[in-house]
Amino acid sequence: MRQYLQELFIKSANAADGLVESGLKNSAKTARLSTKASLPQIIGNILNYLLGFVGVILLIMLIYGGILWMTAGGNEENTKKAKGYIVNSIIGLIVVLASYAILRYVYDALDIYILNSL
């Protein structure tokens, strides 16, 4: 009886595993995601995530510079520091957007599909 229950448990676990795997593959297919990513796609995804992360950091810096400027209270030193944060974060955002545009151009020119394309 014990062996029968063990075999039943193993068979049901294998069946459930197969259902989950096929469900994930169907979901990926519906979302038009590749289940087998090539090296250029993986590199493109990493660069997309990295550029997005840097963009968020720069946006936080821009907001911090604005708050710093609003709370400067006429203090020239704090105002100058806030302007530096704002200018540097805007320059950084421009660099991030330009690098994303270059990345998209190169990948489109090489006809490589990036999974996280807009």
C-alpha atoms as a PDB file:
ATOM      1  CA  MET A   1       0.000   0.000   0.000  1.00  0.00           C
ATOM      2  CA  ARG A   2       2.792   2.384   0.900  1.00  0.00           C
ATOM      3  CA  GLN A   3       4.601   1.761  -2.386  1.00  0.00           C
ATOM      4  CA  TYR A   4       1.353   2.276  -4.276  1.00  0.00           C
ATOM      5  CA  LEU A   5       0.865   5.681  -2.574  1.00  0.00           C
ATOM      6  CA  GLN A   6       4.449   6.669  -3.342  1.00  0.00           C
ATOM      7  CA  GLU A   7       4.027   5.787  -7.018  1.00  0.00           C
ATOM      8  CA  LEU A   8       0.716   7.642  -7.138  1.00  0.00           C
ATOM      9  CA  PHE A   9       2.310  10.698  -5.537  1.00  0.00           C
ATOM     10  CA  ILE A  10       5.256  10.626  -7.955  1.00  0.00           C
ATOM     11  CA  LYS A  11       2.969  10.235 -10.973  1.00  0.00           C
ATOM     12  CA  SER A  12       0.717  13.087  -9.863  1.00  0.00           C
ATOM     13  CA  ALA A  13       3.731  15.329  -9.147  1.00  0.00           C
ATOM     14  CA  ASN A  14       5.165  14.617 -12.585  1.00  0.00           C
ATOM     15  CA  ALA A  15       1.803  15.321 -14.211  1.00  0.00           C
ATOM     16  CA  ALA A  16       1.455  18.595 -12.315  1.00  0.00           C
ATOM     17  CA  ASP A  17       4.982  19.585 -13.284  1.00  0.00           C
ATOM     18  CA  GLY A  18       4.186  18.938 -16.927  1.00  0.00           C
ATOM     19  CA  LEU A  19       1.003  21.010 -16.691  1.00  0.00           C
ATOM     20  CA  VAL A  20       2.827  23.926 -15.089  1.00  0.00           C
ATOM     21  CA  GLU A  21       5.612  23.816 -17.675  1.00  0.00           C
ATOM     22  CA  SER A  22       3.195  23.643 -20.598  1.00  0.00           C
ATOM     23  CA  GLY A  23       1.128  26.443 -19.046  1.00  0.00           C
ATOM     24  CA  LEU A  24       4.200  28.646 -18.762  1.00  0.00           C
ATOM     25  CA  LYS A  25       5.184  27.919 -22.344  1.00  0.00           C
ATOM     26  CA  ASN A  26       1.667  28.764 -23.530  1.00  0.00           C
ATOM     27  CA  SER A  27       1.720  32.007 -21.545  1.00  0.00           C
ATOM     28  CA  ALA A  28       5.095  32.945 -23.011  1.00  0.00           C
ATOM     29  CA  LYS A  29       3.830  32.142 -26.496  1.00  0.00           C
ATOM     30  CA  THR A  30       0.706  34.269 -25.952  1.00  0.00           C
ATOM     31  CA  ALA A  31       2.837  37.172 -24.721  1.00  0.00           C
ATOM     32  CA  ARG A  32       5.096  36.687 -27.771  1.00  0.00           C
ATOM     33  CA  LEU A  33       8.098  35.934 -25.590  1.00  0.00           C
ATOM     34  CA  SER A  34      10.721  33.544 -26.765  1.00  0.00           C
ATOM     35  CA  THR A  35      11.306  30.513 -24.585  1.00  0.00           C
ATOM     36  CA  LYS A  36      14.807  30.172 -26.004  1.00  0.00           C
ATOM     37  CA  ALA A  37      16.633  33.488 -25.907  1.00  0.00           C
ATOM     38  CA  SER A  38      19.773  33.938 -27.943  1.00  0.00           C
ATOM     39  CA  LEU A  39      22.883  35.650 -26.635  1.00  0.00           C
ATOM     40  CA  PRO A  40      22.121  38.985 -28.389  1.00  0.00           C
ATOM     41  CA  GLN A  41      18.625  38.939 -26.888  1.00  0.00           C
ATOM     42  CA  ILE A  42      20.003  38.314 -23.407  1.00  0.00           C
ATOM     43  CA  ILE A  43      22.530  41.130 -23.821  1.00  0.00           C
ATOM     44  CA  GLY A  44      19.774  43.416 -25.123  1.00  0.00           C
ATOM     45  CA  ASN A  45      17.582  42.596 -22.137  1.00  0.00           C
ATOM     46  CA  ILE A  46      20.402  43.269 -19.688  1.00  0.00           C
ATOM     47  CA  LEU A  47      21.146  46.613 -21.359  1.00  0.00           C
ATOM     48  CA  ASN A  48      17.446  47.543 -21.346  1.00  0.00           C
ATOM     49  CA  TYR A  49      17.137  46.788 -17.637  1.00  0.00           C
ATOM     50  CA  LEU A  50      20.370  48.625 -16.894  1.00  0.00           C
ATOM     51  CA  LEU A  51      19.299  51.719 -18.837  1.00  0.00           C
ATOM     52  CA  GLY A  52      15.912  51.659 -17.136  1.00  0.00           C
ATOM     53  CA  PHE A  53      17.503  51.395 -13.700  1.00  0.00           C
ATOM     54  CA  VAL A  54      19.899  54.264 -14.413  1.00  0.00           C
ATOM     55  CA  GLY A  55      16.992  56.336 -15.742  1.00  0.00           C
ATOM     56  CA  VAL A  56      15.054  55.813 -12.515  1.00  0.00           C
ATOM     57  CA  ILE A  57      18.100  56.801 -10.438  1.00  0.00           C
ATOM     58  CA  LEU A  58      18.526  59.970 -12.510  1.00  0.00           C
ATOM     59  CA  LEU A  59      14.846  60.819 -12.143  1.00  0.00           C
ATOM     60  CA  ILE A  60      15.171  60.472  -8.371  1.00  0.00           C
ATOM     61  CA  MET A  61      18.201  62.786  -8.504  1.00  0.00           C
ATOM     62  CA  LEU A  62      16.159  65.318 -10.492  1.00  0.00           C
ATOM     63  CA  ILE A  63      13.361  65.243  -7.920  1.00  0.00           C
ATOM     64  CA  TYR A  64      15.897  65.541  -5.092  1.00  0.00           C
ATOM     65  CA  GLY A  65      17.469  68.584  -6.784  1.00  0.00           C
ATOM     66  CA  GLY A  66      14.043  70.193  -7.113  1.00  0.00           C
ATOM     67  CA  ILE A  67      13.234  69.582  -3.461  1.00  0.00           C
ATOM     68  CA  LEU A  68      16.650  70.906  -2.479  1.00  0.00           C
ATOM     69  CA  TRP A  69      16.052  74.059  -4.530  1.00  0.00           C
ATOM     70  CA  MET A  70      12.584  74.594  -3.028  1.00  0.00           C
ATOM     71  CA  THR A  71      13.913  74.237   0.506  1.00  0.00           C
ATOM     72  CA  ALA A  72      17.030  76.357  -0.076  1.00  0.00           C
ATOM     73  CA  GLY A  73      15.344  79.404   1.412  1.00  0.00           C
ATOM     74  CA  GLY A  74      17.447  81.878  -0.567  1.00  0.00           C
ATOM     75  CA  ASN A  75      20.739  80.305   0.464  1.00  0.00           C
ATOM     76  CA  GLU A  76      23.054  80.670  -2.541  1.00  0.00           C
ATOM     77  CA  GLU A  77      25.123  77.611  -1.684  1.00  0.00           C
ATOM     78  CA  ASN A  78      22.113  75.287  -1.489  1.00  0.00           C
ATOM     79  CA  THR A  79      20.607  76.813  -4.634  1.00  0.00           C
ATOM     80  CA  LYS A  80      23.853  76.260  -6.534  1.00  0.00           C
ATOM     81  CA  LYS A  81      24.028  72.663  -5.252  1.00  0.00           C
ATOM     82  CA  ALA A  82      20.409  72.062  -6.317  1.00  0.00           C
ATOM     83  CA  LYS A  83      21.051  73.497  -9.786  1.00  0.00           C
ATOM     84  CA  GLY A  84      24.030  71.168 -10.101  1.00  0.00           C
ATOM     85  CA  TYR A  85      21.848  68.138  -9.261  1.00  0.00           C
ATOM     86  CA  ILE A  86      19.194  69.221 -11.744  1.00  0.00           C
ATOM     87  CA  VAL A  87      21.607  69.960 -14.602  1.00  0.00           C
ATOM     88  CA  ASN A  88      23.587  66.765 -14.064  1.00  0.00           C
ATOM     89  CA  SER A  89      20.469  64.597 -13.879  1.00  0.00           C
ATOM     90  CA  ILE A  90      19.058  66.147 -17.066  1.00  0.00           C
ATOM     91  CA  ILE A  91      22.356  65.541 -18.860  1.00  0.00           C
ATOM     92  CA  GLY A  92      22.338  61.967 -17.548  1.00  0.00           C
ATOM     93  CA  LEU A  93      18.763  61.411 -18.761  1.00  0.00           C
ATOM     94  CA  ILE A  94      19.724  62.713 -22.203  1.00  0.00           C
ATOM     95  CA  VAL A  95      22.690  60.319 -22.286  1.00  0.00           C
ATOM     96  CA  VAL A  96      20.486  57.388 -21.219  1.00  0.00           C
ATOM     97  CA  LEU A  97      17.848  58.182 -23.854  1.00  0.00           C
ATOM     98  CA  ALA A  98      20.515  58.585 -26.537  1.00  0.00           C
ATOM     99  CA  SER A  99      22.161  55.294 -25.603  1.00  0.00           C
ATOM    100  CA  TYR A 100      18.768  53.553 -25.693  1.00  0.00           C
ATOM    101  CA  ALA A 101      18.108  55.031 -29.139  1.00  0.00           C
ATOM    102  CA  ILE A 102      21.523  53.864 -30.356  1.00  0.00           C
ATOM    103  CA  LEU A 103      20.901  50.413 -28.894  1.00  0.00           C
ATOM    104  CA  ARG A 104      17.542  50.174 -30.660  1.00  0.00           C
ATOM    105  CA  TYR A 105      19.061  51.353 -33.956  1.00  0.00           C
ATOM    106  CA  VAL A 106      21.871  48.801 -33.804  1.00  0.00           C
ATOM    107  CA  TYR A 107      19.515  45.965 -32.909  1.00  0.00           C
ATOM    108  CA  ASP A 108      17.065  46.962 -35.645  1.00  0.00           C
ATOM    109  CA  ALA A 109      19.923  47.217 -38.156  1.00  0.00           C
ATOM    110  CA  LEU A 110      21.111  43.739 -37.185  1.00  0.00           C
ATOM    111  CA  ASP A 111      17.495  42.513 -37.262  1.00  0.00           C
ATOM    112  CA  ILE A 112      17.651  41.157 -33.709  1.00  0.00           C
ATOM    113  CA  TYR A 113      14.421  41.005 -31.721  1.00  0.00           C
ATOM    114  CA  ILE A 114      14.766  42.415 -28.208  1.00  0.00           C
ATOM    115  CA  LEU A 115      12.315  40.906 -25.730  1.00  0.00           C
ATOM    116  CA  ASN A 116      11.631  44.145 -23.857  1.00  0.00           C
ATOM    117  CA  SER A 117      11.149  46.341 -26.874  1.00  0.00           C
ATOM    118  CA  LEU A 118       8.693  49.214 -26.604  1.00  0.00           C
END
